[in-house]
Amino acid sequence: MVDDRDDARLSVARHAAKLFLERGVSGASGDDIAAAAGLSKRTVWRYFRTKESCVDPLFSASHRGFLEKLKRWPREATIEAHLRECFRLDAKTQQEIADEVLIVRLIAVMPEEPDLRSVWLMSCQETEDALIAIVADRLDRSVKDFDVRLCAATMVAAIRIVDETISVAAIRHKQTFTLEDVVEQMAKAIRAASTLPICDPVIPNVFGGRP
């Protein structure tokens, strides 16, 4: 459940992201972020440890949304079919789409902004932790299994690299991508990276043990 504090943190994240994109991280201070968000400096520093971490709620909200969709992945669906559902634009609000555009632009400047990249990588790590449970549930295995944890790690790495590659290509090189392009590249990367048979329909193992 999202509470008022989460909403406030996400609002700060949007303002911080816009300032970082306009001025660079070094050119935007904590005071600037507080002023843009209409909050006191004290409140901003109560929410965040550093100014760079102010954008974390954007990354986290996007990752949580994706993970919630993966949790609803039907056992009879392939990764391609489910990703088409996950990325449907008509299922997203205008604010969600605007947030994703901000994230793409932030990712594209990370080569020059290592502090932003650190925040991004930490969010990816949290995604990996959550994905372990999804992989385990889909294959009726324990979250403690090494193979399950390895599969989650390689899947997240693949997703991250696709996100970064498309973001840089779109913003820096002005390349355009259709929804079908994104789904195809994401599914291809996940298939290549998955170390367990998770991408195709799975049959529940009614007698226990490993599939």
N, C-alpha and C. Protein backbone atom coordinates (compact mmCIF):
# COMPACT_ATOMS: atom_id res chain seq x y z
N MET A 1 0.84 -1.19 0.00
CA MET A 1 0.00 0.00 0.00
C MET A 1 0.88 1.25 0.00
N VAL A 2 0.53 2.23 -0.84
CA VAL A 2 1.29 3.47 -0.92
C VAL A 2 0.70 4.47 0.07
N ASP A 3 1.53 5.05 0.93
CA ASP A 3 1.04 6.02 1.89
C ASP A 3 1.46 7.43 1.47
N ASP A 4 1.08 8.41 2.28
CA ASP A 4 1.37 9.81 1.95
C ASP A 4 2.88 10.05 1.87
N ARG A 5 3.63 9.39 2.73
CA ARG A 5 5.08 9.57 2.71
C ARG A 5 5.67 9.06 1.39
N ASP A 6 5.16 7.92 0.92
CA ASP A 6 5.63 7.38 -0.36
C ASP A 6 5.31 8.35 -1.50
N ASP A 7 4.11 8.92 -1.46
CA ASP A 7 3.73 9.89 -2.49
C ASP A 7 4.64 11.11 -2.44
N ALA A 8 4.95 11.56 -1.23
CA ALA A 8 5.82 12.74 -1.08
C ALA A 8 7.22 12.44 -1.60
N ARG A 9 7.73 11.26 -1.29
CA ARG A 9 9.06 10.89 -1.75
C ARG A 9 9.11 10.79 -3.28
N LEU A 10 8.05 10.25 -3.86
CA LEU A 10 8.00 10.12 -5.32
C LEU A 10 7.91 11.49 -5.98
N SER A 11 7.19 12.41 -5.34
CA SER A 11 7.12 13.78 -5.86
C SER A 11 8.49 14.44 -5.83
N VAL A 12 9.21 14.26 -4.74
CA VAL A 12 10.57 14.81 -4.65
C VAL A 12 11.45 14.19 -5.74
N ALA A 13 11.30 12.89 -5.96
CA ALA A 13 12.10 12.20 -6.97
C ALA A 13 11.88 12.80 -8.36
N ARG A 14 10.65 13.12 -8.68
CA ARG A 14 10.36 13.71 -10.00
C ARG A 14 11.03 15.07 -10.15
N HIS A 15 10.94 15.87 -9.10
CA HIS A 15 11.57 17.20 -9.15
C HIS A 15 13.09 17.07 -9.23
N ALA A 16 13.65 16.16 -8.44
CA ALA A 16 15.10 15.97 -8.45
C ALA A 16 15.57 15.50 -9.82
N ALA A 17 14.84 14.57 -10.41
CA ALA A 17 15.23 14.05 -11.73
C ALA A 17 15.26 15.17 -12.76
N LYS A 18 14.25 16.01 -12.75
CA LYS A 18 14.20 17.12 -13.72
C LYS A 18 15.37 18.09 -13.51
N LEU A 19 15.68 18.36 -12.25
CA LEU A 19 16.81 19.26 -11.97
C LEU A 19 18.13 18.63 -12.40
N PHE A 20 18.31 17.36 -12.12
CA PHE A 20 19.55 16.68 -12.52
C PHE A 20 19.71 16.68 -14.04
N LEU A 21 18.60 16.50 -14.74
CA LEU A 21 18.65 16.48 -16.20
C LEU A 21 18.92 17.86 -16.78
N GLU A 22 18.42 18.88 -16.10
CA GLU A 22 18.62 20.26 -16.58
C GLU A 22 20.01 20.79 -16.24
N ARG A 23 20.49 20.48 -15.03
CA ARG A 23 21.71 21.12 -14.53
C ARG A 23 22.87 20.17 -14.28
N GLY A 24 22.60 18.86 -14.34
CA GLY A 24 23.60 17.90 -13.90
C GLY A 24 23.48 17.73 -12.39
N VAL A 25 23.97 16.61 -11.89
CA VAL A 25 23.87 16.36 -10.44
C VAL A 25 24.64 17.41 -9.65
N SER A 26 25.82 17.77 -10.12
CA SER A 26 26.63 18.74 -9.39
C SER A 26 26.02 20.13 -9.40
N GLY A 27 25.18 20.40 -10.39
CA GLY A 27 24.59 21.73 -10.51
C GLY A 27 23.27 21.91 -9.77
N ALA A 28 22.79 20.86 -9.14
CA ALA A 28 21.53 20.93 -8.39
C ALA A 28 21.81 20.58 -6.93
N SER A 29 21.46 21.47 -6.05
CA SER A 29 21.72 21.25 -4.62
C SER A 29 20.49 20.69 -3.92
N GLY A 30 20.70 20.25 -2.69
CA GLY A 30 19.57 19.81 -1.88
C GLY A 30 18.57 20.93 -1.67
N ASP A 31 19.08 22.16 -1.52
CA ASP A 31 18.19 23.32 -1.38
C ASP A 31 17.32 23.48 -2.63
N ASP A 32 17.94 23.29 -3.80
CA ASP A 32 17.19 23.42 -5.05
C ASP A 32 16.07 22.38 -5.13
N ILE A 33 16.39 21.16 -4.74
CA ILE A 33 15.40 20.09 -4.79
C ILE A 33 14.25 20.38 -3.83
N ALA A 34 14.58 20.82 -2.62
CA ALA A 34 13.55 21.15 -1.64
C ALA A 34 12.64 22.27 -2.15
N ALA A 35 13.25 23.29 -2.74
CA ALA A 35 12.45 24.41 -3.25
C ALA A 35 11.54 23.97 -4.38
N ALA A 36 12.07 23.16 -5.29
CA ALA A 36 11.27 22.69 -6.42
C ALA A 36 10.10 21.83 -5.95
N ALA A 37 10.32 21.04 -4.90
CA ALA A 37 9.28 20.15 -4.39
C ALA A 37 8.33 20.85 -3.42
N GLY A 38 8.65 22.09 -3.05
CA GLY A 38 7.81 22.82 -2.12
C GLY A 38 7.88 22.28 -0.70
N LEU A 39 9.06 21.77 -0.33
CA LEU A 39 9.25 21.21 1.00
C LEU A 39 10.42 21.90 1.69
N SER A 40 10.52 21.75 2.99
CA SER A 40 11.66 22.28 3.71
C SER A 40 12.87 21.38 3.47
N LYS A 41 14.06 21.96 3.61
CA LYS A 41 15.28 21.16 3.48
C LYS A 41 15.27 20.04 4.51
N ARG A 42 14.79 20.35 5.69
CA ARG A 42 14.79 19.35 6.76
C ARG A 42 13.95 18.14 6.37
N THR A 43 12.81 18.40 5.73
CA THR A 43 11.94 17.30 5.31
C THR A 43 12.62 16.45 4.25
N VAL A 44 13.26 17.10 3.28
CA VAL A 44 13.94 16.36 2.22
C VAL A 44 15.02 15.47 2.81
N TRP A 45 15.79 16.01 3.74
CA TRP A 45 16.88 15.21 4.31
C TRP A 45 16.36 14.16 5.28
N ARG A 46 15.14 14.30 5.73
CA ARG A 46 14.53 13.24 6.53
C ARG A 46 14.14 12.06 5.63
N TYR A 47 13.79 12.38 4.38
CA TYR A 47 13.40 11.34 3.43
C TYR A 47 14.60 10.66 2.77
N PHE A 48 15.69 11.41 2.56
CA PHE A 48 16.81 10.91 1.76
C PHE A 48 18.15 11.18 2.44
N ARG A 49 19.11 10.28 2.23
CA ARG A 49 20.44 10.43 2.82
C ARG A 49 21.32 11.37 2.00
N THR A 50 21.18 11.32 0.67
CA THR A 50 21.98 12.14 -0.23
C THR A 50 21.08 12.71 -1.31
N LYS A 51 21.58 13.72 -2.02
CA LYS A 51 20.73 14.30 -3.07
C LYS A 51 20.55 13.31 -4.22
N GLU A 52 21.59 12.50 -4.51
CA GLU A 52 21.47 11.53 -5.60
C GLU A 52 20.39 10.50 -5.30
N SER A 53 20.26 10.12 -4.03
CA SER A 53 19.27 9.11 -3.67
C SER A 53 17.84 9.62 -3.80
N CYS A 54 17.69 10.92 -4.05
CA CYS A 54 16.35 11.48 -4.21
C CYS A 54 15.60 10.87 -5.40
N VAL A 55 16.34 10.34 -6.39
CA VAL A 55 15.66 9.76 -7.55
C VAL A 55 15.31 8.29 -7.34
N ASP A 56 15.75 7.71 -6.24
CA ASP A 56 15.49 6.28 -6.02
C ASP A 56 14.01 5.91 -6.07
N PRO A 57 13.08 6.71 -5.52
CA PRO A 57 11.68 6.32 -5.61
C PRO A 57 11.16 6.15 -7.04
N LEU A 58 11.74 6.88 -7.99
CA LEU A 58 11.35 6.69 -9.39
C LEU A 58 11.74 5.30 -9.86
N PHE A 59 13.00 4.93 -9.62
CA PHE A 59 13.47 3.62 -10.01
C PHE A 59 12.68 2.52 -9.30
N SER A 60 12.51 2.70 -7.99
CA SER A 60 11.84 1.67 -7.19
C SER A 60 10.39 1.48 -7.61
N ALA A 61 9.68 2.58 -7.88
CA ALA A 61 8.28 2.47 -8.28
C ALA A 61 8.15 1.73 -9.61
N SER A 62 9.05 2.03 -10.54
CA SER A 62 9.03 1.34 -11.84
C SER A 62 9.33 -0.14 -11.67
N HIS A 63 10.34 -0.47 -10.88
CA HIS A 63 10.68 -1.87 -10.66
C HIS A 63 9.57 -2.61 -9.93
N ARG A 64 8.95 -1.97 -8.95
CA ARG A 64 7.85 -2.62 -8.23
C ARG A 64 6.69 -2.92 -9.16
N GLY A 65 6.38 -1.95 -10.03
CA GLY A 65 5.28 -2.16 -10.97
C GLY A 65 5.54 -3.35 -11.88
N PHE A 66 6.78 -3.44 -12.38
CA PHE A 66 7.15 -4.55 -13.25
C PHE A 66 7.08 -5.88 -12.49
N LEU A 67 7.57 -5.89 -11.27
CA LEU A 67 7.54 -7.11 -10.47
C LEU A 67 6.12 -7.56 -10.16
N GLU A 68 5.24 -6.59 -9.90
CA GLU A 68 3.84 -6.96 -9.64
C GLU A 68 3.22 -7.63 -10.85
N LYS A 69 3.59 -7.17 -12.04
CA LYS A 69 3.08 -7.81 -13.27
C LYS A 69 3.68 -9.20 -13.43
N LEU A 70 4.97 -9.35 -13.12
CA LEU A 70 5.59 -10.67 -13.23
C LEU A 70 4.97 -11.67 -12.24
N LYS A 71 4.53 -11.18 -11.09
CA LYS A 71 3.88 -12.06 -10.12
C LYS A 71 2.60 -12.67 -10.69
N ARG A 72 1.98 -11.97 -11.65
CA ARG A 72 0.74 -12.45 -12.25
C ARG A 72 1.00 -13.23 -13.55
N TRP A 73 2.23 -13.61 -13.79
CA TRP A 73 2.60 -14.35 -14.99
C TRP A 73 1.92 -15.72 -15.00
N PRO A 74 0.98 -15.94 -15.93
CA PRO A 74 0.30 -17.25 -15.98
C PRO A 74 1.29 -18.37 -16.31
N ARG A 75 1.12 -19.48 -15.68
CA ARG A 75 2.04 -20.60 -15.91
C ARG A 75 1.99 -21.10 -17.35
N GLU A 76 0.87 -20.87 -18.02
CA GLU A 76 0.74 -21.35 -19.39
C GLU A 76 1.24 -20.35 -20.43
N ALA A 77 1.71 -19.19 -19.98
CA ALA A 77 2.14 -18.14 -20.91
C ALA A 77 3.65 -18.12 -21.08
N THR A 78 4.10 -17.82 -22.29
CA THR A 78 5.53 -17.64 -22.54
C THR A 78 5.96 -16.27 -22.04
N ILE A 79 7.26 -16.06 -21.96
CA ILE A 79 7.76 -14.75 -21.55
C ILE A 79 7.36 -13.69 -22.56
N GLU A 80 7.35 -14.03 -23.85
CA GLU A 80 6.97 -13.05 -24.87
C GLU A 80 5.53 -12.59 -24.69
N ALA A 81 4.62 -13.55 -24.48
CA ALA A 81 3.21 -13.21 -24.32
C ALA A 81 2.99 -12.36 -23.07
N HIS A 82 3.67 -12.72 -22.00
CA HIS A 82 3.44 -11.96 -20.76
C HIS A 82 4.06 -10.57 -20.83
N LEU A 83 5.22 -10.44 -21.44
CA LEU A 83 5.82 -9.12 -21.56
C LEU A 83 4.96 -8.19 -22.39
N ARG A 84 4.28 -8.72 -23.39
CA ARG A 84 3.37 -7.87 -24.17
C ARG A 84 2.29 -7.28 -23.27
N GLU A 85 1.83 -8.08 -22.30
CA GLU A 85 0.85 -7.57 -21.34
C GLU A 85 1.50 -6.56 -20.39
N CYS A 86 2.70 -6.85 -19.95
CA CYS A 86 3.40 -5.97 -19.00
C CYS A 86 3.64 -4.58 -19.57
N PHE A 87 3.94 -4.51 -20.87
CA PHE A 87 4.34 -3.25 -21.47
C PHE A 87 3.21 -2.53 -22.20
N ARG A 88 2.00 -3.00 -22.07
CA ARG A 88 0.87 -2.34 -22.74
C ARG A 88 0.73 -0.90 -22.26
N LEU A 89 0.77 0.03 -23.21
CA LEU A 89 0.66 1.44 -22.85
C LEU A 89 -0.74 1.81 -22.38
N ASP A 90 -1.75 1.12 -22.89
CA ASP A 90 -3.11 1.47 -22.49
C ASP A 90 -3.43 1.03 -21.07
N ALA A 91 -2.51 0.29 -20.46
CA ALA A 91 -2.70 -0.13 -19.07
C ALA A 91 -1.95 0.79 -18.10
N LYS A 92 -1.26 1.79 -18.65
CA LYS A 92 -0.48 2.71 -17.83
C LYS A 92 -1.17 4.07 -17.74
N THR A 93 -0.98 4.75 -16.61
CA THR A 93 -1.49 6.11 -16.48
C THR A 93 -0.52 7.07 -17.17
N GLN A 94 -0.99 8.27 -17.43
CA GLN A 94 -0.11 9.29 -18.02
C GLN A 94 1.07 9.60 -17.11
N GLN A 95 0.84 9.57 -15.80
CA GLN A 95 1.94 9.83 -14.87
C GLN A 95 2.98 8.70 -14.92
N GLU A 96 2.52 7.47 -15.03
CA GLU A 96 3.46 6.35 -15.12
C GLU A 96 4.31 6.45 -16.39
N ILE A 97 3.68 6.84 -17.48
CA ILE A 97 4.42 7.01 -18.73
C ILE A 97 5.43 8.14 -18.60
N ALA A 98 5.01 9.25 -17.99
CA ALA A 98 5.93 10.38 -17.78
C ALA A 98 7.10 9.98 -16.89
N ASP A 99 6.82 9.19 -15.86
CA ASP A 99 7.90 8.72 -14.98
C ASP A 99 8.88 7.84 -15.74
N GLU A 100 8.38 6.99 -16.62
CA GLU A 100 9.26 6.11 -17.39
C GLU A 100 10.15 6.91 -18.34
N VAL A 101 9.61 7.99 -18.88
CA VAL A 101 10.42 8.86 -19.74
C VAL A 101 11.54 9.49 -18.93
N LEU A 102 11.24 9.94 -17.72
CA LEU A 102 12.27 10.50 -16.84
C LEU A 102 13.36 9.46 -16.55
N ILE A 103 12.94 8.23 -16.29
CA ILE A 103 13.91 7.17 -15.99
C ILE A 103 14.81 6.91 -17.19
N VAL A 104 14.23 6.84 -18.38
CA VAL A 104 15.02 6.62 -19.59
C VAL A 104 16.05 7.74 -19.75
N ARG A 105 15.64 8.96 -19.51
CA ARG A 105 16.57 10.10 -19.65
C ARG A 105 17.66 10.05 -18.57
N LEU A 106 17.30 9.65 -17.37
CA LEU A 106 18.30 9.52 -16.30
C LEU A 106 19.32 8.43 -16.63
N ILE A 107 18.84 7.30 -17.10
CA ILE A 107 19.75 6.21 -17.45
C ILE A 107 20.73 6.66 -18.53
N ALA A 108 20.24 7.46 -19.46
CA ALA A 108 21.09 7.89 -20.58
C ALA A 108 22.23 8.79 -20.15
N VAL A 109 22.09 9.50 -19.02
CA VAL A 109 23.18 10.39 -18.57
C VAL A 109 24.09 9.72 -17.54
N MET A 110 23.80 8.48 -17.18
CA MET A 110 24.58 7.82 -16.13
C MET A 110 26.06 7.63 -16.46
N PRO A 111 26.45 7.49 -17.72
CA PRO A 111 27.89 7.39 -17.98
C PRO A 111 28.68 8.58 -17.44
N GLU A 112 28.05 9.75 -17.36
CA GLU A 112 28.71 10.94 -16.82
C GLU A 112 28.30 11.22 -15.37
N GLU A 113 27.38 10.43 -14.84
CA GLU A 113 26.87 10.68 -13.49
C GLU A 113 26.96 9.39 -12.67
N PRO A 114 28.16 9.01 -12.23
CA PRO A 114 28.33 7.73 -11.51
C PRO A 114 27.52 7.62 -10.22
N ASP A 115 27.24 8.76 -9.58
CA ASP A 115 26.46 8.69 -8.35
C ASP A 115 25.01 8.27 -8.64
N LEU A 116 24.49 8.72 -9.78
CA LEU A 116 23.15 8.28 -10.19
C LEU A 116 23.16 6.79 -10.51
N ARG A 117 24.22 6.36 -11.16
CA ARG A 117 24.33 4.94 -11.51
C ARG A 117 24.35 4.07 -10.26
N SER A 118 24.97 4.54 -9.21
CA SER A 118 25.00 3.77 -7.96
C SER A 118 23.58 3.57 -7.42
N VAL A 119 22.78 4.62 -7.49
CA VAL A 119 21.39 4.52 -7.03
C VAL A 119 20.62 3.54 -7.90
N TRP A 120 20.82 3.61 -9.21
CA TRP A 120 20.17 2.71 -10.15
C TRP A 120 20.54 1.25 -9.87
N LEU A 121 21.83 0.99 -9.67
CA LEU A 121 22.27 -0.37 -9.43
C LEU A 121 21.73 -0.92 -8.12
N MET A 122 21.60 -0.07 -7.11
CA MET A 122 21.02 -0.52 -5.85
C MET A 122 19.56 -0.91 -6.03
N SER A 123 18.84 -0.15 -6.84
CA SER A 123 17.44 -0.49 -7.11
C SER A 123 17.35 -1.81 -7.87
N CYS A 124 18.28 -2.03 -8.80
CA CYS A 124 18.32 -3.30 -9.53
C CYS A 124 18.58 -4.47 -8.59
N GLN A 125 19.43 -4.24 -7.59
CA GLN A 125 19.72 -5.29 -6.61
C GLN A 125 18.45 -5.65 -5.83
N GLU A 126 17.68 -4.65 -5.45
CA GLU A 126 16.43 -4.90 -4.74
C GLU A 126 15.46 -5.67 -5.62
N THR A 127 15.47 -5.38 -6.92
CA THR A 127 14.63 -6.10 -7.87
C THR A 127 15.03 -7.57 -7.92
N GLU A 128 16.33 -7.80 -7.93
CA GLU A 128 16.83 -9.18 -7.94
C GLU A 128 16.33 -9.95 -6.73
N ASP A 129 16.38 -9.32 -5.57
CA ASP A 129 15.92 -9.98 -4.35
C ASP A 129 14.45 -10.38 -4.45
N ALA A 130 13.63 -9.50 -5.03
CA ALA A 130 12.20 -9.79 -5.17
C ALA A 130 11.93 -10.83 -6.24
N LEU A 131 12.75 -10.83 -7.29
CA LEU A 131 12.54 -11.76 -8.40
C LEU A 131 12.81 -13.21 -7.99
N ILE A 132 13.64 -13.40 -7.00
CA ILE A 132 13.92 -14.76 -6.52
C ILE A 132 12.63 -15.48 -6.17
N ALA A 133 11.74 -14.80 -5.47
CA ALA A 133 10.47 -15.42 -5.06
C ALA A 133 9.60 -15.75 -6.26
N ILE A 134 9.65 -14.91 -7.29
CA ILE A 134 8.84 -15.15 -8.49
C ILE A 134 9.34 -16.37 -9.25
N VAL A 135 10.65 -16.48 -9.40
CA VAL A 135 11.24 -17.64 -10.07
C VAL A 135 10.93 -18.92 -9.27
N ALA A 136 11.10 -18.85 -7.97
CA ALA A 136 10.86 -20.02 -7.12
C ALA A 136 9.41 -20.47 -7.22
N ASP A 137 8.48 -19.53 -7.18
CA ASP A 137 7.06 -19.87 -7.24
C ASP A 137 6.70 -20.49 -8.58
N ARG A 138 7.24 -19.92 -9.67
CA ARG A 138 6.89 -20.43 -11.00
C ARG A 138 7.37 -21.87 -11.19
N LEU A 139 8.48 -22.22 -10.57
CA LEU A 139 9.06 -23.54 -10.76
C LEU A 139 8.86 -24.47 -9.55
N ASP A 140 8.05 -24.01 -8.58
CA ASP A 140 7.79 -24.82 -7.38
C ASP A 140 9.09 -25.23 -6.67
N ARG A 141 9.95 -24.25 -6.49
CA ARG A 141 11.22 -24.52 -5.83
C ARG A 141 11.40 -23.56 -4.65
N SER A 142 12.40 -23.81 -3.87
CA SER A 142 12.67 -22.99 -2.70
C SER A 142 13.42 -21.72 -3.08
N VAL A 143 13.12 -20.64 -2.37
CA VAL A 143 13.84 -19.38 -2.59
C VAL A 143 15.29 -19.49 -2.14
N LYS A 144 15.60 -20.53 -1.40
CA LYS A 144 16.97 -20.71 -0.92
C LYS A 144 17.84 -21.47 -1.91
N ASP A 145 17.23 -22.05 -2.94
CA ASP A 145 18.00 -22.82 -3.92
C ASP A 145 18.99 -21.92 -4.64
N PHE A 146 20.21 -22.37 -4.74
CA PHE A 146 21.24 -21.61 -5.46
C PHE A 146 20.82 -21.36 -6.90
N ASP A 147 20.29 -22.39 -7.57
CA ASP A 147 19.91 -22.25 -8.97
C ASP A 147 18.82 -21.20 -9.17
N VAL A 148 17.91 -21.11 -8.22
CA VAL A 148 16.84 -20.11 -8.29
C VAL A 148 17.43 -18.70 -8.14
N ARG A 149 18.32 -18.54 -7.17
CA ARG A 149 18.93 -17.23 -6.96
C ARG A 149 19.80 -16.83 -8.14
N LEU A 150 20.51 -17.80 -8.72
CA LEU A 150 21.33 -17.52 -9.89
C LEU A 150 20.46 -17.09 -11.07
N CYS A 151 19.35 -17.77 -11.28
CA CYS A 151 18.46 -17.43 -12.39
C CYS A 151 17.91 -16.01 -12.22
N ALA A 152 17.49 -15.66 -11.02
CA ALA A 152 16.98 -14.31 -10.77
C ALA A 152 18.05 -13.27 -11.04
N ALA A 153 19.27 -13.55 -10.64
CA ALA A 153 20.38 -12.61 -10.83
C ALA A 153 20.66 -12.39 -12.31
N THR A 154 20.70 -13.47 -13.08
CA THR A 154 21.00 -13.32 -14.50
C THR A 154 19.86 -12.66 -15.25
N MET A 155 18.62 -12.92 -14.83
CA MET A 155 17.47 -12.26 -15.46
C MET A 155 17.51 -10.75 -15.23
N VAL A 156 17.79 -10.35 -13.99
CA VAL A 156 17.84 -8.92 -13.69
C VAL A 156 18.97 -8.25 -14.45
N ALA A 157 20.11 -8.92 -14.55
CA ALA A 157 21.22 -8.35 -15.31
C ALA A 157 20.82 -8.14 -16.77
N ALA A 158 20.11 -9.11 -17.34
CA ALA A 158 19.66 -8.99 -18.73
C ALA A 158 18.69 -7.83 -18.90
N ILE A 159 17.73 -7.72 -17.97
CA ILE A 159 16.75 -6.64 -18.03
C ILE A 159 17.44 -5.29 -17.91
N ARG A 160 18.40 -5.19 -17.00
CA ARG A 160 19.13 -3.93 -16.80
C ARG A 160 19.88 -3.52 -18.06
N ILE A 161 20.55 -4.48 -18.67
CA ILE A 161 21.34 -4.15 -19.86
C ILE A 161 20.44 -3.71 -21.02
N VAL A 162 19.28 -4.35 -21.16
CA VAL A 162 18.34 -3.92 -22.20
C VAL A 162 17.85 -2.50 -21.90
N ASP A 163 17.48 -2.25 -20.65
CA ASP A 163 17.03 -0.90 -20.26
C ASP A 163 18.10 0.15 -20.59
N GLU A 164 19.32 -0.15 -20.23
CA GLU A 164 20.41 0.82 -20.44
C GLU A 164 20.71 0.99 -21.92
N THR A 165 20.72 -0.10 -22.67
CA THR A 165 21.02 -0.02 -24.10
C THR A 165 19.96 0.78 -24.85
N ILE A 166 18.69 0.49 -24.58
CA ILE A 166 17.61 1.20 -25.27
C ILE A 166 17.58 2.67 -24.86
N SER A 167 17.81 2.94 -23.58
CA SER A 167 17.77 4.33 -23.10
C SER A 167 18.84 5.17 -23.77
N VAL A 168 20.06 4.66 -23.81
CA VAL A 168 21.17 5.39 -24.44
C VAL A 168 20.92 5.56 -25.93
N ALA A 169 20.45 4.50 -26.59
CA ALA A 169 20.20 4.58 -28.03
C ALA A 169 19.09 5.59 -28.34
N ALA A 170 18.06 5.61 -27.50
CA ALA A 170 16.92 6.52 -27.75
C ALA A 170 17.29 7.97 -27.48
N ILE A 171 17.98 8.24 -26.39
CA ILE A 171 18.26 9.63 -26.01
C ILE A 171 19.51 10.18 -26.70
N ARG A 172 20.56 9.41 -26.70
CA ARG A 172 21.82 9.92 -27.25
C ARG A 172 21.90 9.80 -28.76
N HIS A 173 21.33 8.74 -29.31
CA HIS A 173 21.47 8.49 -30.74
C HIS A 173 20.16 8.67 -31.51
N LYS A 174 19.12 9.11 -30.79
CA LYS A 174 17.83 9.45 -31.40
C LYS A 174 17.20 8.28 -32.16
N GLN A 175 17.49 7.08 -31.71
CA GLN A 175 16.85 5.92 -32.33
C GLN A 175 15.44 5.76 -31.76
N THR A 176 14.56 5.22 -32.56
CA THR A 176 13.19 5.01 -32.11
C THR A 176 12.91 3.52 -31.97
N PHE A 177 12.09 3.20 -30.98
CA PHE A 177 11.75 1.80 -30.70
C PHE A 177 10.25 1.68 -30.53
N THR A 178 9.67 0.69 -31.16
CA THR A 178 8.26 0.41 -30.97
C THR A 178 8.10 -0.46 -29.73
N LEU A 179 6.88 -0.59 -29.26
CA LEU A 179 6.60 -1.47 -28.13
C LEU A 179 7.01 -2.90 -28.47
N GLU A 180 6.78 -3.29 -29.71
CA GLU A 180 7.16 -4.64 -30.15
C GLU A 180 8.68 -4.82 -30.10
N ASP A 181 9.42 -3.77 -30.45
CA ASP A 181 10.88 -3.84 -30.39
C ASP A 181 11.35 -4.08 -28.96
N VAL A 182 10.77 -3.34 -28.03
CA VAL A 182 11.17 -3.46 -26.62
C VAL A 182 10.85 -4.85 -26.10
N VAL A 183 9.65 -5.35 -26.39
CA VAL A 183 9.26 -6.68 -25.93
C VAL A 183 10.19 -7.74 -26.53
N GLU A 184 10.48 -7.61 -27.81
CA GLU A 184 11.33 -8.59 -28.47
C GLU A 184 12.74 -8.62 -27.85
N GLN A 185 13.32 -7.45 -27.65
CA GLN A 185 14.67 -7.40 -27.10
C GLN A 185 14.70 -7.87 -25.65
N MET A 186 13.68 -7.48 -24.88
CA MET A 186 13.64 -7.89 -23.47
C MET A 186 13.46 -9.40 -23.36
N ALA A 187 12.53 -9.95 -24.14
CA ALA A 187 12.28 -11.39 -24.08
C ALA A 187 13.51 -12.18 -24.54
N LYS A 188 14.14 -11.70 -25.61
CA LYS A 188 15.34 -12.37 -26.12
C LYS A 188 16.44 -12.38 -25.07
N ALA A 189 16.61 -11.26 -24.39
CA ALA A 189 17.66 -11.16 -23.37
C ALA A 189 17.36 -12.06 -22.18
N ILE A 190 16.10 -12.07 -21.74
CA ILE A 190 15.73 -12.90 -20.60
C ILE A 190 15.90 -14.38 -20.93
N ARG A 191 15.51 -14.76 -22.15
CA ARG A 191 15.69 -16.17 -22.57
C ARG A 191 17.17 -16.54 -22.57
N ALA A 192 17.99 -15.64 -23.10
CA ALA A 192 19.42 -15.94 -23.18
C ALA A 192 20.05 -16.04 -21.79
N ALA A 193 19.54 -15.25 -20.85
CA ALA A 193 20.16 -15.18 -19.51
C ALA A 193 19.60 -16.20 -18.53
N SER A 194 18.37 -16.67 -18.75
CA SER A 194 17.74 -17.57 -17.78
C SER A 194 18.50 -18.88 -17.68
N THR A 195 18.83 -19.26 -16.48
CA THR A 195 19.56 -20.51 -16.25
C THR A 195 18.62 -21.65 -15.86
N LEU A 196 17.31 -21.34 -15.76
CA LEU A 196 16.30 -22.35 -15.48
C LEU A 196 15.19 -22.23 -16.53
N PRO A 197 14.41 -23.27 -16.77
CA PRO A 197 13.36 -23.24 -17.80
C PRO A 197 12.13 -22.47 -17.36
N ILE A 198 12.28 -21.16 -17.28
CA ILE A 198 11.19 -20.33 -16.76
C ILE A 198 10.43 -19.60 -17.86
N CYS A 199 10.98 -19.52 -19.07
CA CYS A 199 10.42 -18.65 -20.11
C CYS A 199 9.26 -19.25 -20.88
N ASP A 200 9.08 -20.55 -20.80
CA ASP A 200 7.99 -21.22 -21.51
C ASP A 200 6.96 -21.72 -20.52
N PRO A 201 5.80 -22.16 -21.01
CA PRO A 201 4.78 -22.69 -20.08
C PRO A 201 5.35 -23.78 -19.18
N VAL A 202 4.96 -23.73 -17.93
CA VAL A 202 5.44 -24.73 -16.97
C VAL A 202 4.25 -25.53 -16.45
N ILE A 203 4.50 -26.79 -16.16
CA ILE A 203 3.46 -27.68 -15.65
C ILE A 203 3.68 -27.86 -14.16
N PRO A 204 2.66 -27.58 -13.34
CA PRO A 204 2.84 -27.75 -11.89
C PRO A 204 3.32 -29.16 -11.56
N ASN A 205 4.28 -29.25 -10.69
CA ASN A 205 4.84 -30.55 -10.29
C ASN A 205 4.04 -31.08 -9.11
N VAL A 206 2.97 -31.81 -9.41
CA VAL A 206 2.03 -32.23 -8.36
C VAL A 206 2.62 -33.27 -7.41
N PHE A 207 3.70 -33.94 -7.80
CA PHE A 207 4.31 -34.95 -6.95
C PHE A 207 5.52 -34.43 -6.18
N GLY A 208 5.76 -33.10 -6.30
CA GLY A 208 6.88 -32.52 -5.57
C GLY A 208 8.19 -32.75 -6.28
N GLY A 209 9.25 -32.28 -5.66
CA GLY A 209 10.57 -32.40 -6.28
C GLY A 209 10.78 -31.30 -7.30
N ARG A 210 11.86 -31.41 -8.01
CA ARG A 210 12.21 -30.35 -8.94
C ARG A 210 11.71 -30.66 -10.34
N PRO A 211 11.23 -29.62 -11.08
CA PRO A 211 10.76 -29.85 -12.43
C PRO A 211 11.94 -30.16 -13.35
